[in-house]
């Protein structure tokens, strides 16, 4: 398991694009339970994780674009 870098600035945490990509990749199984477990593990909300997924699909997260089929 690799280490994720999280930059803390007061109350709001800032995740690097690399960290976001790794967290999204971990929770990208498509079922809600995996997303919930991943969000809980990394102490982010499910809605934040879904937002990062949407940004990734739009190509606005780390310059990577992923096509997802239902």
N, C-alpha and C. Protein backbone atom coordinates (compact mmCIF):
# COMPACT_ATOMS: atom_id res chain seq x y z
N UNK A 1 0.85 -1.17 0.00
CA UNK A 1 0.00 0.00 0.00
C UNK A 1 0.90 1.23 0.00
N UNK A 2 0.57 2.18 -0.86
CA UNK A 2 1.36 3.41 -0.93
C UNK A 2 0.76 4.47 0.00
N UNK A 3 1.56 5.42 0.32
CA UNK A 3 1.16 6.48 1.23
C UNK A 3 0.57 7.65 0.45
N UNK A 4 -0.54 8.21 0.93
CA UNK A 4 -1.16 9.35 0.28
C UNK A 4 -0.71 10.63 0.97
N UNK A 5 -0.44 11.64 0.19
CA UNK A 5 -0.04 12.92 0.75
C UNK A 5 -1.25 13.83 0.86
N UNK A 6 -1.53 14.28 2.06
CA UNK A 6 -2.63 15.20 2.32
C UNK A 6 -2.04 16.46 2.94
N UNK A 7 -2.33 17.58 2.32
CA UNK A 7 -1.79 18.84 2.81
C UNK A 7 -2.85 19.50 3.68
N UNK A 8 -2.57 19.67 4.96
CA UNK A 8 -3.53 20.24 5.89
C UNK A 8 -3.30 21.74 6.04
N UNK A 9 -4.37 22.50 5.90
CA UNK A 9 -4.30 23.94 6.12
C UNK A 9 -5.47 24.34 7.00
N UNK A 10 -5.29 24.22 8.30
CA UNK A 10 -6.38 24.55 9.21
C UNK A 10 -7.43 23.45 9.21
N UNK A 11 -8.69 23.82 9.20
CA UNK A 11 -9.78 22.85 9.23
C UNK A 11 -9.96 22.11 7.92
N UNK A 12 -9.80 22.81 6.83
CA UNK A 12 -10.04 22.20 5.52
C UNK A 12 -8.79 21.47 5.04
N UNK A 13 -8.98 20.22 4.69
CA UNK A 13 -7.84 19.45 4.16
C UNK A 13 -7.78 19.63 2.66
N UNK A 14 -6.61 19.62 2.14
CA UNK A 14 -6.40 19.73 0.69
C UNK A 14 -5.72 18.45 0.23
N UNK A 15 -6.35 17.77 -0.72
CA UNK A 15 -5.79 16.55 -1.28
C UNK A 15 -5.11 16.89 -2.60
N UNK A 16 -3.97 16.29 -2.84
CA UNK A 16 -3.31 16.46 -4.14
C UNK A 16 -4.13 15.72 -5.18
N UNK A 17 -3.94 16.08 -6.44
CA UNK A 17 -4.65 15.36 -7.50
C UNK A 17 -4.28 13.87 -7.50
N UNK A 18 -3.03 13.57 -7.21
CA UNK A 18 -2.60 12.16 -7.15
C UNK A 18 -3.35 11.41 -6.05
N UNK A 19 -3.50 12.04 -4.90
CA UNK A 19 -4.22 11.40 -3.80
C UNK A 19 -5.68 11.20 -4.17
N UNK A 20 -6.30 12.20 -4.79
CA UNK A 20 -7.70 12.08 -5.22
C UNK A 20 -7.85 10.92 -6.21
N UNK A 21 -6.93 10.84 -7.17
CA UNK A 21 -6.99 9.77 -8.16
C UNK A 21 -6.90 8.39 -7.52
N UNK A 22 -6.01 8.25 -6.55
CA UNK A 22 -5.87 6.95 -5.87
C UNK A 22 -7.12 6.60 -5.07
N UNK A 23 -7.70 7.59 -4.40
CA UNK A 23 -8.91 7.34 -3.62
C UNK A 23 -10.07 6.99 -4.55
N UNK A 24 -10.21 7.73 -5.64
CA UNK A 24 -11.29 7.45 -6.60
C UNK A 24 -11.11 6.06 -7.20
N UNK A 25 -9.89 5.72 -7.58
CA UNK A 25 -9.61 4.40 -8.16
C UNK A 25 -10.02 3.29 -7.19
N UNK A 26 -9.72 3.49 -5.92
CA UNK A 26 -10.06 2.49 -4.91
C UNK A 26 -11.56 2.30 -4.78
N UNK A 27 -12.32 3.37 -4.94
CA UNK A 27 -13.77 3.28 -4.76
C UNK A 27 -14.56 3.17 -6.03
N UNK A 28 -13.91 2.88 -7.15
CA UNK A 28 -14.59 2.90 -8.44
C UNK A 28 -15.14 1.54 -8.84
N UNK A 29 -15.74 0.83 -7.92
CA UNK A 29 -16.28 -0.49 -8.26
C UNK A 29 -17.69 -0.40 -8.81
N UNK A 30 -18.36 0.75 -8.62
CA UNK A 30 -19.69 0.92 -9.17
C UNK A 30 -20.81 0.65 -8.18
N UNK A 31 -20.55 -0.02 -7.06
CA UNK A 31 -21.63 -0.22 -6.10
C UNK A 31 -21.47 0.75 -4.94
N UNK A 32 -22.58 1.18 -4.37
CA UNK A 32 -22.58 2.19 -3.32
C UNK A 32 -21.83 1.79 -2.08
N UNK A 33 -21.80 0.50 -1.76
CA UNK A 33 -21.10 0.07 -0.54
C UNK A 33 -19.61 0.32 -0.65
N UNK A 34 -19.03 0.08 -1.82
CA UNK A 34 -17.60 0.30 -1.99
C UNK A 34 -17.27 1.79 -1.86
N UNK A 35 -18.12 2.64 -2.40
CA UNK A 35 -17.92 4.07 -2.29
C UNK A 35 -18.00 4.49 -0.83
N UNK A 36 -18.98 4.00 -0.12
CA UNK A 36 -19.13 4.35 1.30
C UNK A 36 -17.93 3.90 2.11
N UNK A 37 -17.49 2.69 1.89
CA UNK A 37 -16.35 2.15 2.64
C UNK A 37 -15.08 2.94 2.32
N UNK A 38 -14.89 3.29 1.06
CA UNK A 38 -13.70 4.04 0.66
C UNK A 38 -13.74 5.44 1.26
N UNK A 39 -14.89 6.09 1.22
CA UNK A 39 -15.03 7.43 1.80
C UNK A 39 -14.75 7.39 3.30
N UNK A 40 -15.29 6.42 3.97
CA UNK A 40 -15.07 6.28 5.41
C UNK A 40 -13.60 6.03 5.72
N UNK A 41 -12.98 5.17 4.95
CA UNK A 41 -11.57 4.84 5.16
C UNK A 41 -10.67 6.07 5.05
N UNK A 42 -10.99 6.95 4.11
CA UNK A 42 -10.14 8.12 3.85
C UNK A 42 -10.70 9.39 4.49
N UNK A 43 -11.77 9.24 5.28
CA UNK A 43 -12.36 10.36 6.02
C UNK A 43 -12.80 11.50 5.11
N UNK A 44 -13.48 11.13 4.02
CA UNK A 44 -14.11 12.12 3.15
C UNK A 44 -15.58 11.73 3.03
N UNK A 45 -16.41 12.66 2.63
CA UNK A 45 -17.83 12.34 2.48
C UNK A 45 -18.05 11.59 1.17
N UNK A 46 -19.14 10.84 1.12
CA UNK A 46 -19.48 10.13 -0.12
C UNK A 46 -19.70 11.11 -1.25
N UNK A 47 -20.34 12.24 -0.93
CA UNK A 47 -20.62 13.22 -1.98
C UNK A 47 -19.31 13.79 -2.55
N UNK A 48 -18.29 13.95 -1.70
CA UNK A 48 -17.00 14.43 -2.18
C UNK A 48 -16.37 13.41 -3.12
N UNK A 49 -16.46 12.15 -2.75
CA UNK A 49 -15.90 11.09 -3.58
C UNK A 49 -16.63 11.02 -4.92
N UNK A 50 -17.97 11.15 -4.92
CA UNK A 50 -18.72 11.16 -6.17
C UNK A 50 -18.35 12.39 -7.02
N UNK A 51 -18.10 13.52 -6.37
CA UNK A 51 -17.69 14.71 -7.13
C UNK A 51 -16.34 14.48 -7.81
N UNK A 52 -15.40 13.90 -7.08
CA UNK A 52 -14.09 13.59 -7.68
C UNK A 52 -14.26 12.64 -8.85
N UNK A 53 -15.16 11.66 -8.72
CA UNK A 53 -15.42 10.72 -9.82
C UNK A 53 -15.94 11.47 -11.05
N UNK A 54 -16.89 12.40 -10.82
CA UNK A 54 -17.45 13.16 -11.93
C UNK A 54 -16.37 14.04 -12.59
N UNK A 55 -15.53 14.67 -11.77
CA UNK A 55 -14.44 15.48 -12.32
C UNK A 55 -13.49 14.63 -13.16
N UNK A 56 -13.21 13.42 -12.69
CA UNK A 56 -12.36 12.51 -13.44
C UNK A 56 -12.98 12.16 -14.78
N UNK A 57 -14.27 11.88 -14.79
CA UNK A 57 -14.96 11.53 -16.03
C UNK A 57 -14.96 12.71 -17.01
N UNK A 58 -14.98 13.93 -16.48
CA UNK A 58 -14.98 15.13 -17.32
C UNK A 58 -13.57 15.54 -17.75
N UNK A 59 -12.56 14.85 -17.22
CA UNK A 59 -11.18 15.19 -17.56
C UNK A 59 -10.65 16.38 -16.80
N UNK A 60 -11.26 16.70 -15.67
CA UNK A 60 -10.85 17.87 -14.90
C UNK A 60 -10.17 17.50 -13.59
N UNK A 61 -9.68 16.27 -13.49
CA UNK A 61 -8.97 15.84 -12.29
C UNK A 61 -7.63 15.25 -12.70
N UNK A 62 -6.58 16.00 -12.49
CA UNK A 62 -5.24 15.52 -12.79
C UNK A 62 -4.95 15.32 -14.27
N UNK A 63 -5.75 15.95 -15.14
CA UNK A 63 -5.50 15.84 -16.57
C UNK A 63 -5.82 14.46 -17.14
N UNK A 64 -6.56 13.65 -16.39
CA UNK A 64 -6.91 12.29 -16.82
C UNK A 64 -8.40 12.26 -17.09
N UNK A 65 -8.79 11.55 -18.14
CA UNK A 65 -10.20 11.38 -18.42
C UNK A 65 -10.50 9.89 -18.53
N UNK A 66 -11.58 9.48 -17.88
CA UNK A 66 -11.98 8.08 -17.86
C UNK A 66 -13.40 7.98 -18.37
N UNK A 67 -13.63 7.10 -19.32
CA UNK A 67 -14.98 6.85 -19.81
C UNK A 67 -15.57 5.70 -19.02
N UNK A 68 -16.77 5.94 -18.48
CA UNK A 68 -17.42 4.93 -17.65
C UNK A 68 -18.73 4.55 -18.30
N UNK A 69 -18.92 3.27 -18.48
CA UNK A 69 -20.17 2.77 -19.05
C UNK A 69 -20.99 2.13 -17.95
N UNK A 70 -22.32 2.35 -17.99
CA UNK A 70 -23.19 1.78 -16.95
C UNK A 70 -23.23 0.27 -16.92
